[in-house]
Amino acid sequence: MYQEASAIFYRQRRFVVDVSSRRAYDEFTAEHELFSFQLQTVRRRIRSLTIILKRIGGDFEQKLAPVISDMILSGELRNLRFQLLSPGMDTVFQSRPLLARRSGVGADLEHTPPFQRLLNLVADPDLEKVEILIAGVHLRFWCAFHEESRQDCPCSEREMRVNAQRWLKVDWKRLVKTYGSVQKILRIGER
């Protein structure tokens, strides 16, 4: 009974992991937590996963990305969504500090190893559905990749307060094509 019920539970639910604070990485990798070694077998049964990030940094690259990769390669993970908060979301109603952060931070984001690791994950051919969503208020880097045109971008000053909690879908395939150093994985039987 457990085998049948747990199979439905892990396949039909979307698991959401909020690692928007640095402390969250340590909590999720602690003993007997979701990303610990002890729960590897359980974790590999998850089919749909949403990761909420505030920073694409070293903790993501070293602690989270290897676990997600294992869930794809050795497990059943097939639906992966990243929701990326703005580094300045905590100052969303103080526009001047936010604008300074949006324009300055992230200028070389695309060249960092953690960002390249994110691109490698979303480009995995075993994934059936991939989404990258960014907060309505975001680094200017993302403006070229989300669905709305740059002039109508919700991150503009006048719309910033209204659209802070809105999510915008990123064209992740174009993002990978533009900045990824991903080698296309060819499955046997494909040309």
N, C-alpha and C. Protein backbone atom coordinates (compact mmCIF):
# COMPACT_ATOMS: atom_id res chain seq x y z
N MET A 1 0.82 -1.19 0.00
CA MET A 1 0.00 0.00 0.00
C MET A 1 0.87 1.26 0.00
N TYR A 2 1.95 1.23 0.80
CA TYR A 2 2.86 2.38 0.86
C TYR A 2 3.49 2.63 -0.50
N GLN A 3 3.95 1.58 -1.17
CA GLN A 3 4.60 1.73 -2.47
C GLN A 3 3.68 2.41 -3.47
N GLU A 4 2.43 1.97 -3.54
CA GLU A 4 1.49 2.54 -4.50
C GLU A 4 1.11 3.97 -4.13
N ALA A 5 0.82 4.21 -2.87
CA ALA A 5 0.42 5.55 -2.43
C ALA A 5 1.57 6.54 -2.55
N SER A 6 2.77 6.14 -2.17
CA SER A 6 3.90 7.06 -2.24
C SER A 6 4.28 7.38 -3.69
N ALA A 7 4.10 6.41 -4.59
CA ALA A 7 4.38 6.66 -6.01
C ALA A 7 3.47 7.77 -6.54
N ILE A 8 2.20 7.73 -6.16
CA ILE A 8 1.26 8.78 -6.57
C ILE A 8 1.65 10.11 -5.93
N PHE A 9 1.98 10.08 -4.65
CA PHE A 9 2.35 11.29 -3.92
C PHE A 9 3.55 11.99 -4.57
N TYR A 10 4.61 11.26 -4.87
CA TYR A 10 5.82 11.87 -5.41
C TYR A 10 5.69 12.25 -6.88
N ARG A 11 4.85 11.57 -7.61
CA ARG A 11 4.70 11.87 -9.04
C ARG A 11 3.71 12.98 -9.32
N GLN A 12 2.68 13.12 -8.52
CA GLN A 12 1.62 14.06 -8.84
C GLN A 12 1.72 15.39 -8.09
N ARG A 13 2.60 15.51 -7.16
CA ARG A 13 2.75 16.76 -6.39
C ARG A 13 3.91 17.58 -6.94
N ARG A 14 3.79 18.88 -6.87
CA ARG A 14 4.91 19.77 -7.18
C ARG A 14 5.55 20.18 -5.86
N PHE A 15 6.80 19.85 -5.68
CA PHE A 15 7.54 20.20 -4.48
C PHE A 15 8.17 21.57 -4.67
N VAL A 16 8.02 22.43 -3.68
CA VAL A 16 8.55 23.79 -3.75
C VAL A 16 9.61 23.94 -2.66
N VAL A 17 10.80 24.35 -3.08
CA VAL A 17 11.91 24.54 -2.16
C VAL A 17 12.34 26.00 -2.24
N ASP A 18 12.20 26.70 -1.14
CA ASP A 18 12.55 28.12 -1.07
C ASP A 18 13.92 28.26 -0.43
N VAL A 19 14.91 28.53 -1.26
CA VAL A 19 16.27 28.75 -0.76
C VAL A 19 16.68 30.20 -1.02
N SER A 20 15.76 31.10 -0.74
CA SER A 20 16.02 32.52 -0.99
C SER A 20 16.90 33.16 0.09
N SER A 21 17.22 32.42 1.13
CA SER A 21 18.18 32.92 2.12
C SER A 21 19.35 31.95 2.21
N ARG A 22 20.50 32.45 2.58
CA ARG A 22 21.68 31.59 2.68
C ARG A 22 21.52 30.51 3.73
N ARG A 23 20.80 30.82 4.79
CA ARG A 23 20.57 29.85 5.87
C ARG A 23 19.76 28.66 5.37
N ALA A 24 18.92 28.87 4.38
CA ALA A 24 18.07 27.79 3.87
C ALA A 24 18.88 26.65 3.28
N TYR A 25 20.01 26.95 2.67
CA TYR A 25 20.85 25.89 2.09
C TYR A 25 21.31 24.93 3.19
N ASP A 26 21.74 25.48 4.30
CA ASP A 26 22.20 24.64 5.41
C ASP A 26 21.04 23.83 6.00
N GLU A 27 19.87 24.44 6.06
CA GLU A 27 18.70 23.74 6.60
C GLU A 27 18.29 22.57 5.71
N PHE A 28 18.27 22.76 4.40
CA PHE A 28 17.85 21.70 3.48
C PHE A 28 18.89 20.60 3.31
N THR A 29 20.16 20.90 3.59
CA THR A 29 21.19 19.88 3.46
C THR A 29 21.54 19.25 4.81
N ALA A 30 20.90 19.70 5.89
CA ALA A 30 21.14 19.12 7.21
C ALA A 30 20.69 17.66 7.23
N GLU A 31 21.18 16.93 8.20
CA GLU A 31 20.87 15.50 8.32
C GLU A 31 19.36 15.26 8.34
N HIS A 32 18.92 14.32 7.54
CA HIS A 32 17.51 13.89 7.42
C HIS A 32 16.60 14.97 6.84
N GLU A 33 17.15 15.92 6.11
CA GLU A 33 16.35 16.92 5.39
C GLU A 33 16.36 16.57 3.90
N LEU A 34 15.56 17.26 3.11
CA LEU A 34 15.32 16.89 1.72
C LEU A 34 16.58 16.69 0.89
N PHE A 35 17.58 17.55 1.04
CA PHE A 35 18.78 17.43 0.23
C PHE A 35 19.94 16.75 0.95
N SER A 36 19.65 16.03 2.02
CA SER A 36 20.69 15.30 2.73
C SER A 36 20.92 13.94 2.05
N PHE A 37 22.05 13.34 2.36
CA PHE A 37 22.37 12.03 1.78
C PHE A 37 21.35 10.98 2.21
N GLN A 38 20.84 11.07 3.44
CA GLN A 38 19.91 10.07 3.96
C GLN A 38 18.61 9.99 3.16
N LEU A 39 18.20 11.09 2.55
CA LEU A 39 16.92 11.10 1.81
C LEU A 39 17.11 11.01 0.29
N GLN A 40 18.26 10.55 -0.12
CA GLN A 40 18.55 10.48 -1.55
C GLN A 40 17.53 9.61 -2.30
N THR A 41 17.18 8.46 -1.78
CA THR A 41 16.23 7.57 -2.44
C THR A 41 14.85 8.21 -2.55
N VAL A 42 14.42 8.85 -1.50
CA VAL A 42 13.12 9.53 -1.49
C VAL A 42 13.14 10.69 -2.48
N ARG A 43 14.19 11.49 -2.43
CA ARG A 43 14.33 12.68 -3.28
C ARG A 43 14.30 12.30 -4.76
N ARG A 44 14.87 11.17 -5.10
CA ARG A 44 14.91 10.74 -6.50
C ARG A 44 13.55 10.37 -7.06
N ARG A 45 12.55 10.23 -6.23
CA ARG A 45 11.20 9.88 -6.69
C ARG A 45 10.38 11.11 -7.08
N ILE A 46 10.86 12.30 -6.73
CA ILE A 46 10.14 13.54 -7.04
C ILE A 46 10.16 13.79 -8.54
N ARG A 47 9.00 14.09 -9.08
CA ARG A 47 8.87 14.32 -10.53
C ARG A 47 8.82 15.81 -10.89
N SER A 48 8.23 16.66 -10.04
CA SER A 48 8.09 18.10 -10.32
C SER A 48 8.66 18.91 -9.16
N LEU A 49 9.53 19.86 -9.49
CA LEU A 49 10.22 20.62 -8.46
C LEU A 49 10.30 22.09 -8.84
N THR A 50 9.99 22.96 -7.89
CA THR A 50 10.17 24.40 -8.05
C THR A 50 11.21 24.85 -7.04
N ILE A 51 12.19 25.59 -7.53
CA ILE A 51 13.24 26.14 -6.67
C ILE A 51 13.10 27.66 -6.69
N ILE A 52 12.96 28.26 -5.51
CA ILE A 52 12.89 29.72 -5.39
C ILE A 52 14.25 30.21 -4.92
N LEU A 53 14.90 31.03 -5.75
CA LEU A 53 16.24 31.53 -5.49
C LEU A 53 16.26 33.04 -5.42
N LYS A 54 17.15 33.57 -4.62
CA LYS A 54 17.38 35.02 -4.61
C LYS A 54 18.73 35.33 -5.24
N ARG A 55 19.67 34.43 -5.05
CA ARG A 55 21.01 34.60 -5.61
C ARG A 55 21.44 33.32 -6.32
N ILE A 56 22.03 33.48 -7.48
CA ILE A 56 22.61 32.34 -8.18
C ILE A 56 24.10 32.41 -7.85
N GLY A 57 24.46 31.83 -6.72
CA GLY A 57 25.82 31.95 -6.22
C GLY A 57 26.46 30.61 -5.92
N GLY A 58 27.52 30.68 -5.12
CA GLY A 58 28.29 29.49 -4.79
C GLY A 58 27.51 28.42 -4.07
N ASP A 59 26.61 28.82 -3.17
CA ASP A 59 25.79 27.82 -2.47
C ASP A 59 24.91 27.05 -3.44
N PHE A 60 24.36 27.76 -4.41
CA PHE A 60 23.56 27.09 -5.43
C PHE A 60 24.42 26.11 -6.22
N GLU A 61 25.58 26.56 -6.66
CA GLU A 61 26.45 25.74 -7.49
C GLU A 61 26.98 24.51 -6.75
N GLN A 62 27.37 24.68 -5.48
CA GLN A 62 28.03 23.61 -4.75
C GLN A 62 27.08 22.69 -3.99
N LYS A 63 25.96 23.23 -3.50
CA LYS A 63 25.08 22.43 -2.65
C LYS A 63 23.81 21.97 -3.35
N LEU A 64 23.20 22.83 -4.13
CA LEU A 64 21.89 22.53 -4.70
C LEU A 64 21.97 21.91 -6.10
N ALA A 65 22.77 22.48 -6.97
CA ALA A 65 22.84 22.01 -8.35
C ALA A 65 23.23 20.52 -8.47
N PRO A 66 24.22 20.03 -7.70
CA PRO A 66 24.55 18.60 -7.80
C PRO A 66 23.38 17.69 -7.40
N VAL A 67 22.60 18.14 -6.41
CA VAL A 67 21.45 17.34 -5.96
C VAL A 67 20.37 17.32 -7.04
N ILE A 68 20.10 18.47 -7.64
CA ILE A 68 19.10 18.53 -8.71
C ILE A 68 19.55 17.69 -9.90
N SER A 69 20.82 17.78 -10.24
CA SER A 69 21.36 16.97 -11.33
C SER A 69 21.18 15.48 -11.06
N ASP A 70 21.43 15.06 -9.82
CA ASP A 70 21.23 13.66 -9.43
C ASP A 70 19.75 13.26 -9.54
N MET A 71 18.87 14.18 -9.17
CA MET A 71 17.42 13.89 -9.25
C MET A 71 16.98 13.69 -10.69
N ILE A 72 17.65 14.36 -11.63
CA ILE A 72 17.33 14.20 -13.05
C ILE A 72 17.95 12.92 -13.59
N LEU A 73 19.25 12.76 -13.37
CA LEU A 73 19.99 11.65 -13.98
C LEU A 73 19.69 10.30 -13.35
N SER A 74 19.54 10.26 -12.04
CA SER A 74 19.33 8.99 -11.34
C SER A 74 17.93 8.85 -10.77
N GLY A 75 17.12 9.86 -11.00
CA GLY A 75 15.77 9.84 -10.44
C GLY A 75 14.70 10.10 -11.47
N GLU A 76 13.57 10.60 -11.00
CA GLU A 76 12.41 10.79 -11.86
C GLU A 76 12.07 12.25 -12.12
N LEU A 77 12.95 13.18 -11.74
CA LEU A 77 12.66 14.60 -11.94
C LEU A 77 12.57 14.90 -13.43
N ARG A 78 11.40 15.41 -13.86
CA ARG A 78 11.18 15.72 -15.27
C ARG A 78 10.61 17.13 -15.48
N ASN A 79 10.08 17.73 -14.42
CA ASN A 79 9.53 19.09 -14.51
C ASN A 79 10.27 19.98 -13.52
N LEU A 80 10.99 20.96 -14.04
CA LEU A 80 11.82 21.81 -13.19
C LEU A 80 11.50 23.27 -13.45
N ARG A 81 11.24 24.00 -12.39
CA ARG A 81 10.95 25.44 -12.48
C ARG A 81 11.86 26.18 -11.51
N PHE A 82 12.44 27.26 -11.99
CA PHE A 82 13.20 28.18 -11.14
C PHE A 82 12.44 29.48 -11.07
N GLN A 83 12.21 29.98 -9.87
CA GLN A 83 11.62 31.29 -9.65
C GLN A 83 12.70 32.15 -9.03
N LEU A 84 13.15 33.15 -9.78
CA LEU A 84 14.28 33.97 -9.37
C LEU A 84 13.80 35.32 -8.84
N LEU A 85 14.01 35.53 -7.55
CA LEU A 85 13.67 36.80 -6.93
C LEU A 85 14.75 37.82 -7.27
N SER A 86 14.40 39.07 -7.25
CA SER A 86 15.38 40.13 -7.46
C SER A 86 16.25 40.25 -6.22
N PRO A 87 17.56 40.47 -6.38
CA PRO A 87 18.40 40.70 -5.20
C PRO A 87 17.92 41.87 -4.37
N GLY A 88 17.14 42.79 -4.96
CA GLY A 88 16.67 43.95 -4.23
C GLY A 88 15.21 43.88 -3.82
N MET A 89 14.60 42.68 -3.80
CA MET A 89 13.18 42.57 -3.47
C MET A 89 12.87 43.11 -2.08
N ASP A 90 13.83 43.07 -1.17
CA ASP A 90 13.57 43.56 0.17
C ASP A 90 13.46 45.09 0.20
N THR A 91 13.93 45.74 -0.85
CA THR A 91 13.85 47.21 -0.89
C THR A 91 12.88 47.67 -1.98
N VAL A 92 11.91 46.84 -2.30
CA VAL A 92 11.03 47.13 -3.43
C VAL A 92 10.27 48.45 -3.29
N PHE A 93 10.02 48.89 -2.09
CA PHE A 93 9.30 50.15 -1.93
C PHE A 93 10.23 51.31 -1.61
N GLN A 94 11.52 51.08 -1.74
CA GLN A 94 12.51 52.14 -1.62
C GLN A 94 13.23 52.19 -2.96
N SER A 95 12.64 52.86 -3.93
CA SER A 95 13.06 52.73 -5.33
C SER A 95 14.51 53.09 -5.60
N ARG A 96 15.06 54.07 -4.95
CA ARG A 96 16.43 54.46 -5.29
C ARG A 96 17.45 53.35 -5.01
N PRO A 97 17.46 52.74 -3.81
CA PRO A 97 18.41 51.64 -3.60
C PRO A 97 18.18 50.48 -4.59
N LEU A 98 16.90 50.22 -4.89
CA LEU A 98 16.60 49.12 -5.80
C LEU A 98 17.13 49.40 -7.20
N LEU A 99 16.94 50.63 -7.67
CA LEU A 99 17.42 50.97 -9.00
C LEU A 99 18.93 50.87 -9.09
N ALA A 100 19.60 51.28 -8.03
CA ALA A 100 21.05 51.18 -8.03
C ALA A 100 21.49 49.73 -8.10
N ARG A 101 20.82 48.88 -7.36
CA ARG A 101 21.17 47.45 -7.38
C ARG A 101 20.86 46.85 -8.74
N ARG A 102 19.71 47.20 -9.30
CA ARG A 102 19.31 46.60 -10.57
C ARG A 102 20.27 46.95 -11.68
N SER A 103 20.78 48.18 -11.68
CA SER A 103 21.63 48.58 -12.78
C SER A 103 23.07 48.11 -12.59
N GLY A 104 23.54 47.96 -11.35
CA GLY A 104 24.93 47.62 -11.13
C GLY A 104 25.20 46.15 -10.92
N VAL A 105 24.42 45.51 -10.08
CA VAL A 105 24.65 44.11 -9.74
C VAL A 105 24.27 43.23 -10.92
N GLY A 106 25.02 42.19 -11.13
CA GLY A 106 24.65 41.22 -12.15
C GLY A 106 25.18 41.54 -13.52
N ALA A 107 26.06 42.54 -13.63
CA ALA A 107 26.56 42.94 -14.94
C ALA A 107 27.28 41.78 -15.63
N ASP A 108 27.96 40.94 -14.88
CA ASP A 108 28.68 39.80 -15.45
C ASP A 108 28.07 38.48 -15.03
N LEU A 109 26.81 38.48 -14.71
CA LEU A 109 26.12 37.28 -14.23
C LEU A 109 26.31 36.10 -15.17
N GLU A 110 26.21 36.35 -16.45
CA GLU A 110 26.24 35.26 -17.44
C GLU A 110 27.57 34.53 -17.50
N HIS A 111 28.64 35.11 -16.96
CA HIS A 111 29.96 34.48 -17.03
C HIS A 111 30.34 33.73 -15.76
N THR A 112 29.48 33.78 -14.75
CA THR A 112 29.84 33.13 -13.48
C THR A 112 29.60 31.63 -13.55
N PRO A 113 30.43 30.83 -12.87
CA PRO A 113 30.21 29.38 -12.85
C PRO A 113 28.84 28.97 -12.31
N PRO A 114 28.29 29.62 -11.26
CA PRO A 114 26.96 29.23 -10.80
C PRO A 114 25.87 29.44 -11.88
N PHE A 115 25.96 30.55 -12.62
CA PHE A 115 24.98 30.81 -13.67
C PHE A 115 25.13 29.78 -14.80
N GLN A 116 26.34 29.43 -15.14
CA GLN A 116 26.57 28.42 -16.17
C GLN A 116 26.02 27.07 -15.70
N ARG A 117 26.13 26.81 -14.42
CA ARG A 117 25.58 25.57 -13.86
C ARG A 117 24.06 25.54 -13.98
N LEU A 118 23.42 26.69 -13.75
CA LEU A 118 21.97 26.80 -13.93
C LEU A 118 21.59 26.51 -15.38
N LEU A 119 22.34 27.08 -16.32
CA LEU A 119 22.06 26.84 -17.74
C LEU A 119 22.24 25.36 -18.10
N ASN A 120 23.25 24.73 -17.53
CA ASN A 120 23.45 23.29 -17.77
C ASN A 120 22.27 22.47 -17.25
N LEU A 121 21.75 22.84 -16.09
CA LEU A 121 20.61 22.11 -15.53
C LEU A 121 19.38 22.23 -16.41
N VAL A 122 19.01 23.45 -16.81
CA VAL A 122 17.78 23.63 -17.57
C VAL A 122 17.88 23.04 -18.97
N ALA A 123 19.10 22.87 -19.48
CA ALA A 123 19.29 22.32 -20.82
C ALA A 123 19.35 20.80 -20.83
N ASP A 124 19.19 20.16 -19.69
CA ASP A 124 19.27 18.70 -19.62
C ASP A 124 18.17 18.08 -20.50
N PRO A 125 18.54 17.20 -21.43
CA PRO A 125 17.55 16.63 -22.35
C PRO A 125 16.55 15.68 -21.69
N ASP A 126 16.82 15.23 -20.47
CA ASP A 126 15.87 14.34 -19.79
C ASP A 126 14.68 15.09 -19.20
N LEU A 127 14.80 16.42 -19.08
CA LEU A 127 13.70 17.21 -18.55
C LEU A 127 12.62 17.36 -19.63
N GLU A 128 11.37 17.19 -19.21
CA GLU A 128 10.25 17.31 -20.14
C GLU A 128 9.69 18.73 -20.16
N LYS A 129 9.73 19.40 -19.01
CA LYS A 129 9.22 20.77 -18.92
C LYS A 129 10.16 21.59 -18.05
N VAL A 130 10.57 22.74 -18.57
CA VAL A 130 11.47 23.63 -17.86
C VAL A 130 10.88 25.04 -17.90
N GLU A 131 10.96 25.74 -16.77
CA GLU A 131 10.53 27.12 -16.71
C GLU A 131 11.52 27.91 -15.86
N ILE A 132 11.80 29.12 -16.31
CA ILE A 132 12.51 30.09 -15.48
C ILE A 132 11.60 31.30 -15.40
N LEU A 133 11.24 31.66 -14.18
CA LEU A 133 10.41 32.83 -13.95
C LEU A 133 11.22 33.84 -13.15
N ILE A 134 11.08 35.12 -13.51
CA ILE A 134 11.77 36.17 -12.76
C ILE A 134 10.75 37.11 -12.16
N ALA A 135 11.12 37.73 -11.08
CA ALA A 135 10.24 38.69 -10.42
C ALA A 135 10.03 39.89 -11.33
N GLY A 136 8.88 40.54 -11.19
CA GLY A 136 8.57 41.72 -11.99
C GLY A 136 9.62 42.80 -11.88
N VAL A 137 10.21 42.93 -10.72
CA VAL A 137 11.35 43.84 -10.52
C VAL A 137 12.58 42.96 -10.57
N HIS A 138 13.45 43.21 -11.55
CA HIS A 138 14.58 42.31 -11.77
C HIS A 138 15.78 43.08 -12.31
N LEU A 139 16.91 42.40 -12.34
CA LEU A 139 18.12 42.97 -12.93
C LEU A 139 17.88 43.23 -14.41
N ARG A 140 18.45 44.29 -14.93
CA ARG A 140 18.25 44.65 -16.33
C ARG A 140 18.71 43.54 -17.29
N PHE A 141 19.63 42.74 -16.85
CA PHE A 141 20.11 41.61 -17.66
C PHE A 141 18.95 40.77 -18.21
N TRP A 142 17.91 40.57 -17.39
CA TRP A 142 16.81 39.69 -17.76
C TRP A 142 15.86 40.30 -18.79
N CYS A 143 15.88 41.62 -18.95
CA CYS A 143 14.91 42.29 -19.83
C CYS A 143 14.97 41.74 -21.26
N ALA A 144 16.14 41.37 -21.71
CA ALA A 144 16.28 40.86 -23.08
C ALA A 144 15.71 39.45 -23.25
N PHE A 145 15.37 38.79 -22.14
CA PHE A 145 14.97 37.38 -22.23
C PHE A 145 13.56 37.09 -21.75
N HIS A 146 12.86 38.08 -21.18
CA HIS A 146 11.49 37.77 -20.76
C HIS A 146 10.50 38.11 -21.85
N GLU A 147 9.28 37.65 -21.69
CA GLU A 147 8.28 37.71 -22.75
C GLU A 147 7.87 39.12 -23.16
N GLU A 148 7.83 40.05 -22.23
CA GLU A 148 7.37 41.39 -22.55
C GLU A 148 8.49 42.21 -23.17
N SER A 149 8.11 43.14 -24.03
CA SER A 149 9.13 43.95 -24.69
C SER A 149 9.84 44.83 -23.66
N ARG A 150 11.04 45.23 -24.00
CA ARG A 150 11.86 46.01 -23.06
C ARG A 150 11.20 47.33 -22.68
N GLN A 151 10.54 48.01 -23.62
CA GLN A 151 9.92 49.29 -23.30
C GLN A 151 8.72 49.14 -22.38
N ASP A 152 8.05 47.98 -22.42
CA ASP A 152 6.92 47.73 -21.55
C ASP A 152 7.31 46.94 -20.31
N CYS A 153 8.59 46.79 -20.10
CA CYS A 153 9.08 45.96 -19.01
C CYS A 153 8.59 46.47 -17.66
N PRO A 154 8.03 45.58 -16.84
CA PRO A 154 7.56 45.99 -15.51
C PRO A 154 8.66 46.48 -14.59
N CYS A 155 9.92 46.28 -14.98
CA CYS A 155 11.00 46.75 -14.11
C CYS A 155 11.28 48.24 -14.32
N SER A 156 10.55 48.86 -15.24
CA SER A 156 10.73 50.30 -15.43
C SER A 156 10.31 51.03 -14.16
N GLU A 157 10.86 52.22 -13.96
CA GLU A 157 10.61 52.96 -12.71
C GLU A 157 9.14 53.17 -12.42
N ARG A 158 8.36 53.55 -13.43
CA ARG A 158 6.96 53.90 -13.18
C ARG A 158 6.11 52.70 -12.81
N GLU A 159 6.49 51.51 -13.27
CA GLU A 159 5.67 50.34 -13.00
C GLU A 159 6.24 49.46 -11.89
N MET A 160 7.35 49.89 -11.33
CA MET A 160 8.07 49.05 -10.38
C MET A 160 7.24 48.66 -9.16
N ARG A 161 6.57 49.60 -8.55
CA ARG A 161 5.81 49.31 -7.34
C ARG A 161 4.61 48.41 -7.62
N VAL A 162 3.97 48.60 -8.76
CA VAL A 162 2.77 47.83 -9.11
C VAL A 162 3.10 46.38 -9.43
N ASN A 163 4.21 46.16 -10.13
CA ASN A 163 4.52 44.84 -10.66
C ASN A 163 5.56 44.06 -9.86
N ALA A 164 5.86 44.50 -8.66
CA ALA A 164 6.92 43.86 -7.88
C ALA A 164 6.66 42.38 -7.65
N GLN A 165 5.42 41.99 -7.43
CA GLN A 165 5.11 40.59 -7.11
C GLN A 165 4.72 39.77 -8.33
N ARG A 166 4.80 40.35 -9.49
CA ARG A 166 4.43 39.67 -10.73
C ARG A 166 5.58 38.79 -11.22
N TRP A 167 5.26 37.64 -11.81
CA TRP A 167 6.28 36.74 -12.34
C TRP A 167 6.28 36.83 -13.87
N LEU A 168 7.46 36.91 -14.45
CA LEU A 168 7.62 36.96 -15.90
C LEU A 168 8.35 35.72 -16.37
N LYS A 169 7.88 35.15 -17.45
CA LYS A 169 8.48 33.94 -17.99
C LYS A 169 9.68 34.28 -18.86
N VAL A 170 10.78 33.58 -18.64
CA VAL A 170 12.02 33.80 -19.39
C VAL A 170 12.10 32.78 -20.52
N ASP A 171 12.56 33.23 -21.67
CA ASP A 171 12.82 32.33 -22.79
C ASP A 171 14.16 31.64 -22.51
N TRP A 172 14.08 30.54 -21.77
CA TRP A 172 15.31 29.89 -21.30
C TRP A 172 16.11 29.26 -22.44
N LYS A 173 15.44 28.85 -23.51
CA LYS A 173 16.17 28.26 -24.64
C LYS A 173 17.06 29.31 -25.30
N ARG A 174 16.54 30.51 -25.47
CA ARG A 174 17.33 31.60 -26.04
C ARG A 174 18.45 32.00 -25.08
N LEU A 175 18.16 31.97 -23.80
CA LEU A 175 19.17 32.28 -22.78
C LEU A 175 20.33 31.29 -22.86
N VAL A 176 20.01 30.00 -22.96
CA VAL A 176 21.04 28.96 -23.06
C VAL A 176 21.82 29.12 -24.36
N LYS A 177 21.11 29.39 -25.44
CA LYS A 177 21.77 29.55 -26.74
C LYS A 177 22.72 30.76 -26.73
N THR A 178 22.31 31.84 -26.06
CA THR A 178 23.10 33.07 -26.03
C THR A 178 24.32 32.95 -25.11
N TYR A 179 24.14 32.41 -23.92
CA TYR A 179 25.20 32.44 -22.92
C TYR A 179 25.73 31.08 -22.47
N GLY A 180 25.05 30.03 -22.83
CA GLY A 180 25.45 28.72 -22.34
C GLY A 180 26.70 28.19 -23.00
N SER A 181 27.46 27.46 -22.24
CA SER A 181 28.61 26.74 -22.78
C SER A 181 28.26 25.26 -22.77
N VAL A 182 26.97 25.00 -22.94
CA VAL A 182 26.42 23.65 -22.84
C VAL A 182 26.68 22.90 -24.14
N GLN A 183 27.25 21.73 -24.02
CA GLN A 183 27.40 20.84 -25.18
C GLN A 183 26.10 20.07 -25.34
N LYS A 184 25.54 20.06 -26.55
CA LYS A 184 24.29 19.35 -26.76
C LYS A 184 24.51 17.87 -26.53
N ILE A 185 23.65 17.28 -25.71
CA ILE A 185 23.73 15.86 -25.42
C ILE A 185 22.90 15.13 -26.46
N LEU A 186 23.52 14.22 -27.16
CA LEU A 186 22.84 13.48 -28.21
C LEU A 186 22.46 12.11 -27.68
N ARG A 187 21.16 11.83 -27.72
CA ARG A 187 20.70 10.51 -27.27
C ARG A 187 20.93 9.51 -28.39
N ILE A 188 21.17 8.27 -28.02
CA ILE A 188 21.37 7.21 -29.00
C ILE A 188 20.10 7.06 -29.82
N GLY A 189 20.26 7.03 -31.13
CA GLY A 189 19.11 6.92 -32.01
C GLY A 189 18.69 8.25 -32.61
N GLU A 190 19.21 9.36 -32.08
CA GLU A 190 18.90 10.69 -32.62
C GLU A 190 19.96 11.09 -33.62
N ARG A 191 19.62 11.99 -34.50
CA ARG A 191 20.60 12.54 -35.45
C ARG A 191 20.67 14.02 -35.32
